[in-house]
Amino acid sequence: MAPGEPKKESLFLPECRIGEIVPAFESIPVSLIDYQHSYGDLPLGELMMLCRIVRYRKPSIVFEIGTYRGGTTLQLGANSRAEVYTLDLPRGGRPNHAVPIMQDPESDVYPDQPGERFHKTPYADRIQQLFGDSLTYDFTPFYGEVDLVFVDGCHHYKFVLSDSHNALRMMSPEGIVVWHDYAPYAPGVVKVLNDLGKTIPLKHVAGTSLVIHQQASKRL
């Protein structure tokens, strides 16, 4: 391992099939609105799985940590009737502008205009763009209220740890948390989720980088 290179982390979480989370998932229709893919977006297969989870769960409130360009946010809105909240760093010219931490140019990707993909779409009125550093953002108004939390923010360990704890606190009694990037290229994500998996039931969706935690009343 080269000096300064992140330590490799093994994937230890138990796997599950998407059908264990979403019965008859292949029969659930998905709407992909103005679908585009660029570096930093979810791969199509994982996006389809996330949309089917949303369709099956029918959340009233969705919270996404990590807006990026808003491609996933748009599909979360298109595949639900939920109020969708999405959080990203304030960009230049905005109050409380935060300079992104750029340690790894391969995974540290930040857009000039967070959420540009859902702007001026029919779903924009149900999507609220929030700005802030997730390490210091006040999530308390959402504690216990969110039916689906999607964690796809900064991949560095301290951010993933903080985002994960806040995601779990935001879960409603019928809620679910979905994490992205449980994969060797994101050792911070892997380490946090491996550690969390020792205390709460987490499942790695086979063939993806998605990890799921759902409240006991919704487990199959």
Protein backbone atom coordinates (compact mmCIF):
# COMPACT_ATOMS: atom_id res chain seq x y z
CA MET A 1 0.00 0.00 0.00
CA ALA A 2 1.47 3.35 -1.04
CA PRO A 3 2.00 6.06 1.63
CA GLY A 4 -1.21 8.02 2.16
CA GLU A 5 -3.34 5.47 0.31
CA PRO A 6 -6.58 4.59 2.18
CA LYS A 7 -6.56 1.20 3.85
CA LYS A 8 -8.48 -1.42 1.88
CA GLU A 9 -11.59 -2.69 3.64
CA SER A 10 -13.26 -6.05 3.07
CA LEU A 11 -17.01 -6.41 2.55
CA PHE A 12 -18.30 -8.29 5.58
CA LEU A 13 -22.02 -7.51 5.63
CA PRO A 14 -24.47 -10.35 4.92
CA GLU A 15 -25.96 -10.24 1.45
CA CYS A 16 -29.60 -10.34 0.45
CA ARG A 17 -31.44 -10.40 -2.85
CA ILE A 18 -33.48 -7.37 -3.85
CA GLY A 19 -36.56 -9.64 -3.83
CA GLU A 20 -36.17 -9.96 -0.05
CA ILE A 21 -36.61 -6.18 0.23
CA VAL A 22 -39.12 -5.68 -2.59
CA PRO A 23 -41.30 -8.73 -3.35
CA ALA A 24 -41.96 -9.28 -7.06
CA PHE A 25 -39.65 -6.34 -7.75
CA GLU A 26 -39.39 -7.06 -11.47
CA SER A 27 -43.12 -6.40 -11.88
CA ILE A 28 -42.94 -2.95 -10.29
CA PRO A 29 -42.92 -0.24 -12.98
CA VAL A 30 -40.32 2.51 -12.74
CA SER A 31 -40.35 5.96 -14.34
CA LEU A 32 -36.98 7.34 -15.41
CA ILE A 33 -37.49 10.99 -16.26
CA ASP A 34 -34.93 12.63 -18.56
CA TYR A 35 -32.46 9.92 -17.57
CA GLN A 36 -28.80 10.83 -18.02
CA HIS A 37 -25.67 9.28 -16.61
CA SER A 38 -22.42 11.03 -15.88
CA TYR A 39 -19.52 10.32 -13.56
CA GLY A 40 -20.76 10.45 -9.96
CA ASP A 41 -24.32 9.29 -10.75
CA LEU A 42 -25.83 5.98 -9.68
CA PRO A 43 -25.38 3.17 -12.20
CA LEU A 44 -28.64 2.42 -14.00
CA GLY A 45 -29.23 -0.95 -12.30
CA GLU A 46 -28.81 0.53 -8.81
CA LEU A 47 -31.00 3.50 -9.66
CA MET A 48 -33.73 1.12 -10.86
CA MET A 49 -33.48 -0.84 -7.60
CA LEU A 50 -33.71 2.33 -5.53
CA CYS A 51 -36.76 3.47 -7.50
CA ARG A 52 -38.45 0.10 -6.99
CA ILE A 53 -37.79 0.33 -3.25
CA VAL A 54 -39.42 3.76 -3.32
CA ARG A 55 -42.39 2.50 -5.34
CA TYR A 56 -42.89 -0.43 -2.98
CA ARG A 57 -42.48 1.54 0.25
CA LYS A 58 -44.61 4.55 -0.82
CA PRO A 59 -42.81 7.00 1.49
CA SER A 60 -44.39 10.29 2.51
CA ILE A 61 -41.06 11.92 3.31
CA VAL A 62 -37.70 11.17 1.65
CA PHE A 63 -34.36 12.65 2.73
CA GLU A 64 -31.28 12.42 0.50
CA ILE A 65 -27.82 13.24 1.86
CA GLY A 66 -25.74 14.27 -1.14
CA THR A 67 -27.62 15.94 -3.99
CA TYR A 68 -24.85 16.14 -6.59
CA ARG A 69 -26.53 17.22 -9.85
CA GLY A 70 -29.92 15.95 -8.69
CA GLY A 71 -30.33 13.00 -11.06
CA THR A 72 -31.24 10.59 -8.28
CA THR A 73 -33.31 13.26 -6.56
CA LEU A 74 -35.39 13.69 -9.70
CA GLN A 75 -36.14 9.97 -9.89
CA LEU A 76 -37.03 9.84 -6.18
CA GLY A 77 -39.61 12.52 -6.86
CA ALA A 78 -40.87 10.93 -10.08
CA ASN A 79 -41.40 7.53 -8.45
CA SER A 80 -43.22 8.72 -5.35
CA ARG A 81 -45.66 11.31 -4.07
CA ALA A 82 -43.26 12.14 -1.26
CA GLU A 83 -41.92 15.43 -0.07
CA VAL A 84 -38.25 15.07 -0.98
CA TYR A 85 -35.52 16.87 0.95
CA THR A 86 -31.98 16.82 -0.41
CA LEU A 87 -28.84 18.22 1.24
CA ASP A 88 -25.59 19.37 -0.31
CA LEU A 89 -22.82 21.88 0.38
CA PRO A 90 -23.55 25.57 -0.22
CA ARG A 91 -21.74 26.59 -3.38
CA GLY A 92 -19.92 29.81 -4.17
CA GLY A 93 -22.02 32.94 -3.81
CA ARG A 94 -24.38 31.36 -1.26
CA PRO A 95 -24.48 32.09 2.48
CA ASN A 96 -22.24 29.79 4.53
CA HIS A 97 -20.34 28.68 1.42
CA ALA A 98 -18.29 25.60 2.29
CA VAL A 99 -15.16 24.57 0.45
CA PRO A 100 -15.33 20.86 -0.41
CA ILE A 101 -12.69 18.53 1.03
CA MET A 102 -10.84 17.20 -2.01
CA GLN A 103 -8.70 14.28 -0.86
CA ASP A 104 -9.47 11.90 -3.68
CA PRO A 105 -10.18 13.31 -7.16
CA GLU A 106 -11.73 9.99 -8.21
CA SER A 107 -14.49 10.01 -5.60
CA ASP A 108 -14.69 13.60 -4.37
CA VAL A 109 -17.03 15.05 -6.98
CA TYR A 110 -18.95 18.28 -6.43
CA PRO A 111 -21.22 20.04 -8.94
CA ASP A 112 -21.29 23.76 -9.63
CA GLN A 113 -25.09 23.72 -9.36
CA PRO A 114 -26.43 21.05 -6.96
CA GLY A 115 -29.83 19.81 -8.06
CA GLU A 116 -29.76 21.24 -11.56
CA ARG A 117 -31.35 18.07 -12.98
CA PHE A 118 -34.65 18.53 -11.13
CA HIS A 119 -34.93 22.28 -11.56
CA LYS A 120 -37.80 23.28 -13.86
CA THR A 121 -39.33 19.77 -13.81
CA PRO A 122 -42.90 18.95 -12.75
CA TYR A 123 -41.46 17.43 -9.55
CA ALA A 124 -39.54 20.50 -8.39
CA ASP A 125 -42.41 21.73 -6.22
CA ARG A 126 -42.09 18.58 -4.06
CA ILE A 127 -38.29 18.76 -3.82
CA GLN A 128 -36.67 21.06 -1.29
CA GLN A 129 -32.98 21.76 -1.80
CA LEU A 130 -31.20 22.18 1.53
CA PHE A 131 -27.69 23.56 1.87
CA GLY A 132 -25.20 22.81 4.61
CA ASP A 133 -22.24 20.72 5.73
CA SER A 134 -23.69 17.41 6.87
CA LEU A 135 -21.18 17.29 9.75
CA THR A 136 -22.76 20.35 11.33
CA TYR A 137 -26.24 20.48 9.77
CA ASP A 138 -29.16 20.43 12.22
CA PHE A 139 -31.13 17.30 11.33
CA THR A 140 -33.19 17.34 14.52
CA PRO A 141 -36.44 18.60 12.87
CA PHE A 142 -36.42 15.36 10.84
CA TYR A 143 -35.74 12.92 13.68
CA GLY A 144 -38.27 10.10 13.59
CA GLU A 145 -40.07 11.57 10.57
CA VAL A 146 -38.43 10.24 7.39
CA ASP A 147 -39.75 7.14 5.65
CA LEU A 148 -36.74 6.69 3.35
CA VAL A 149 -33.25 8.11 3.86
CA PHE A 150 -30.72 7.80 1.04
CA VAL A 151 -27.11 8.30 2.13
CA ASP A 152 -24.81 9.23 -0.74
CA GLY A 153 -22.72 12.13 0.55
CA CYS A 154 -19.01 12.51 1.19
CA HIS A 155 -17.30 9.10 1.33
CA HIS A 156 -14.69 9.95 3.96
CA TYR A 157 -15.02 8.06 7.23
CA LYS A 158 -16.04 10.87 9.60
CA PHE A 159 -18.70 12.11 7.18
CA VAL A 160 -20.15 8.65 6.55
CA LEU A 161 -20.23 7.96 10.29
CA SER A 162 -22.01 11.24 11.04
CA ASP A 163 -24.40 10.87 8.08
CA SER A 164 -25.23 7.31 9.09
CA HIS A 165 -26.05 8.21 12.69
CA ASN A 166 -28.23 11.08 11.53
CA ALA A 167 -29.94 8.87 8.95
CA LEU A 168 -30.81 6.32 11.63
CA ARG A 169 -32.17 9.05 13.89
CA MET A 170 -34.34 10.40 11.06
CA MET A 171 -36.01 7.03 10.36
CA SER A 172 -39.74 6.96 10.96
CA PRO A 173 -41.27 3.94 12.74
CA GLU A 174 -41.83 2.39 9.29
CA GLY A 175 -38.63 3.78 7.81
CA ILE A 176 -35.73 2.46 5.75
CA VAL A 177 -32.18 3.72 5.17
CA VAL A 178 -30.34 2.99 1.92
CA TRP A 179 -26.60 3.63 1.60
CA HIS A 180 -24.69 3.86 -1.69
CA ASP A 181 -21.03 3.01 -2.42
CA TYR A 182 -20.46 0.02 -0.15
CA ALA A 183 -17.56 -1.05 -2.33
CA PRO A 184 -13.74 -1.31 -2.17
CA TYR A 185 -13.30 2.05 -3.91
CA ALA A 186 -14.94 3.76 -0.89
CA PRO A 187 -13.12 2.36 2.19
CA GLY A 188 -14.66 4.98 4.50
CA VAL A 189 -18.16 3.78 3.59
CA VAL A 190 -17.17 0.14 3.98
CA LYS A 191 -15.56 0.62 7.40
CA VAL A 192 -18.49 2.57 8.83
CA LEU A 193 -21.07 0.06 7.60
CA ASN A 194 -19.02 -2.96 8.66
CA ASP A 195 -18.84 -1.46 12.16
CA LEU A 196 -22.53 -0.52 12.22
CA GLY A 197 -23.42 -4.00 11.07
CA LYS A 198 -22.10 -5.36 14.37
CA THR A 199 -24.84 -3.55 16.29
CA ILE A 200 -27.80 -3.23 13.90
CA PRO A 201 -29.04 -5.50 11.09
CA LEU A 202 -27.65 -4.28 7.77
CA LYS A 203 -27.97 -6.12 4.46
CA HIS A 204 -25.79 -5.68 1.37
CA VAL A 205 -27.93 -6.03 -1.74
CA ALA A 206 -26.20 -8.68 -3.86
CA GLY A 207 -24.53 -7.44 -7.03
CA THR A 208 -24.75 -3.77 -6.00
CA SER A 209 -23.06 -1.23 -3.75
CA LEU A 210 -26.35 -0.65 -1.88
CA VAL A 211 -26.84 -1.43 1.82
CA ILE A 212 -30.25 -1.51 3.52
CA HIS A 213 -31.49 -1.09 7.08
CA GLN A 214 -35.20 -1.21 7.78
CA GLN A 215 -37.28 -1.08 10.92
CA ALA A 216 -38.19 -4.46 12.38
CA SER A 217 -41.88 -4.10 11.53
CA LYS A 218 -41.01 -3.97 7.82
CA ARG A 219 -38.44 -6.76 7.63
CA LEU A 220 -39.36 -9.86 5.66
